[in-house]
Amino acid sequence: MKNSILILFFALIINGLAFANPPGSAEVKIKTSAICGMCKKRIERDLGLTKGIVNSNLNLDDKVVTVTYNPKKTNPEKIKKAISKIGYDADEVVADQKSHDALPSCCQKTAEAHKD
């Protein structure tokens, strides 16, 4: 019984360390024009495929994506540009128009004005 508890304790510690930010990583928060769960899924997926991005999490309540990245491989300007290429505004960087127009209608900025 004691061994089981000890093993469980160490498993929880190791699991917690796996979700910690890697050493040398940085974090940036970027305001987006995301609207719905599909936007969240698209932004997080596409950022996950971007060089230097370790993790991303979009909070739809405040429309801010928190990005953990390797500063040796990317920087906040490149991350904002990547979000723009996905079709969304990223702070002062306006969404790429062609990418924005290719988004589902519910994910386009005009859909926000019609959202109740």
Protein backbone atom coordinates (compact mmCIF):
# COMPACT_ATOMS: atom_id res chain seq x y z
CA MET A 1 0.00 0.00 0.00
CA LYS A 2 2.79 2.40 0.91
CA ASN A 3 4.57 1.66 -2.36
CA SER A 4 1.40 2.33 -4.35
CA ILE A 5 0.95 5.72 -2.73
CA LEU A 6 4.60 6.58 -3.31
CA ILE A 7 4.40 5.56 -6.98
CA LEU A 8 1.20 7.59 -7.43
CA PHE A 9 2.86 10.63 -5.80
CA PHE A 10 5.88 10.49 -8.13
CA ALA A 11 3.65 9.92 -11.16
CA LEU A 12 1.72 13.09 -10.33
CA ILE A 13 4.94 15.09 -9.94
CA ILE A 14 6.34 13.84 -13.24
CA ASN A 15 3.02 14.55 -14.96
CA GLY A 16 3.05 18.12 -13.61
CA LEU A 17 6.58 18.67 -14.86
CA ALA A 18 5.60 17.53 -18.34
CA PHE A 19 3.15 20.44 -18.61
CA ALA A 20 5.55 23.08 -17.29
CA ASN A 21 7.11 25.50 -19.74
CA PRO A 22 10.42 24.22 -21.08
CA PRO A 23 13.54 26.01 -19.84
CA GLY A 24 14.46 28.95 -22.04
CA SER A 25 10.94 29.38 -23.39
CA ALA A 26 9.08 32.68 -23.42
CA GLU A 27 5.39 33.57 -23.34
CA VAL A 28 3.38 36.22 -25.16
CA LYS A 29 -0.30 37.16 -24.99
CA ILE A 30 -1.90 38.34 -28.23
CA LYS A 31 -5.41 39.77 -28.70
CA THR A 32 -7.19 38.12 -31.63
CA SER A 33 -10.43 38.52 -33.57
CA ALA A 34 -11.46 34.92 -32.82
CA ILE A 35 -15.16 34.36 -32.23
CA CYS A 36 -16.07 30.72 -31.63
CA GLY A 37 -14.81 27.27 -30.76
CA MET A 38 -13.91 26.61 -34.39
CA CYS A 39 -11.66 29.69 -34.32
CA LYS A 40 -10.00 28.40 -31.14
CA LYS A 41 -9.40 24.99 -32.65
CA ARG A 42 -8.01 26.44 -35.91
CA ILE A 43 -5.67 28.94 -34.23
CA GLU A 44 -4.30 26.46 -31.68
CA ARG A 45 -3.83 23.74 -34.33
CA ASP A 46 -2.12 25.98 -36.86
CA LEU A 47 0.11 27.65 -34.27
CA GLY A 48 1.10 24.17 -33.08
CA LEU A 49 2.47 23.52 -36.56
CA THR A 50 4.45 26.79 -36.58
CA LYS A 51 8.21 26.64 -36.07
CA GLY A 52 9.25 27.56 -32.54
CA ILE A 53 5.79 27.39 -30.96
CA VAL A 54 5.73 25.14 -27.90
CA ASN A 55 2.10 25.63 -26.86
CA SER A 56 -0.87 27.92 -27.45
CA ASN A 57 -4.15 28.43 -25.66
CA LEU A 58 -6.91 30.76 -26.82
CA ASN A 59 -9.30 32.11 -24.19
CA LEU A 60 -12.52 32.93 -26.03
CA ASP A 61 -13.85 35.08 -23.17
CA ASP A 62 -11.22 37.78 -23.72
CA LYS A 63 -10.06 36.59 -27.19
CA VAL A 64 -6.44 36.44 -26.03
CA VAL A 65 -4.16 33.64 -27.17
CA THR A 66 -1.31 32.80 -24.80
CA VAL A 67 1.63 31.41 -26.75
CA THR A 68 4.66 29.68 -25.28
CA TYR A 69 7.54 29.74 -27.74
CA ASN A 70 11.26 29.16 -28.18
CA PRO A 71 12.83 32.63 -28.58
CA LYS A 72 15.74 31.10 -30.50
CA LYS A 73 13.34 29.97 -33.25
CA THR A 74 10.63 32.65 -33.37
CA ASN A 75 9.48 35.94 -31.86
CA PRO A 76 6.19 37.75 -31.11
CA GLU A 77 6.18 39.53 -34.50
CA LYS A 78 6.45 36.21 -36.37
CA ILE A 79 3.72 34.72 -34.19
CA LYS A 80 1.40 37.66 -34.94
CA LYS A 81 2.14 37.26 -38.63
CA ALA A 82 1.30 33.52 -38.38
CA ILE A 83 -2.05 34.34 -36.72
CA SER A 84 -2.74 36.88 -39.47
CA LYS A 85 -2.02 34.24 -42.13
CA ILE A 86 -4.56 31.96 -40.43
CA GLY A 87 -7.14 34.70 -41.03
CA TYR A 88 -7.38 36.53 -37.70
CA ASP A 89 -6.24 39.89 -36.34
CA ALA A 90 -3.30 39.68 -33.93
CA ASP A 91 -2.94 42.84 -31.83
CA GLU A 92 -2.04 45.56 -34.36
CA VAL A 93 -1.49 43.09 -37.22
CA VAL A 94 -4.61 42.89 -39.39
CA ALA A 95 -5.79 39.52 -40.68
CA ASP A 96 -4.65 38.48 -44.14
CA GLN A 97 -7.72 39.28 -46.24
CA LYS A 98 -7.54 36.18 -48.46
CA SER A 99 -7.20 33.88 -45.43
CA HIS A 100 -9.97 35.71 -43.57
CA ASP A 101 -12.33 35.38 -46.53
CA ALA A 102 -11.65 31.62 -46.64
CA LEU A 103 -12.80 31.17 -43.02
CA PRO A 104 -16.29 29.78 -42.36
CA SER A 105 -18.82 32.64 -42.19
CA CYS A 106 -19.26 32.19 -38.43
CA CYS A 107 -15.54 32.85 -37.93
CA GLN A 108 -15.35 36.06 -39.96
CA LYS A 109 -15.21 39.42 -38.18
CA THR A 110 -18.59 40.45 -39.58
CA ALA A 111 -20.18 37.47 -37.81
CA GLU A 112 -19.26 39.05 -34.47
CA ALA A 113 -21.52 42.04 -35.20
CA HIS A 114 -24.45 39.66 -35.73
CA LYS A 115 -23.67 37.52 -32.68
CA ASP A 116 -26.34 37.80 -29.93
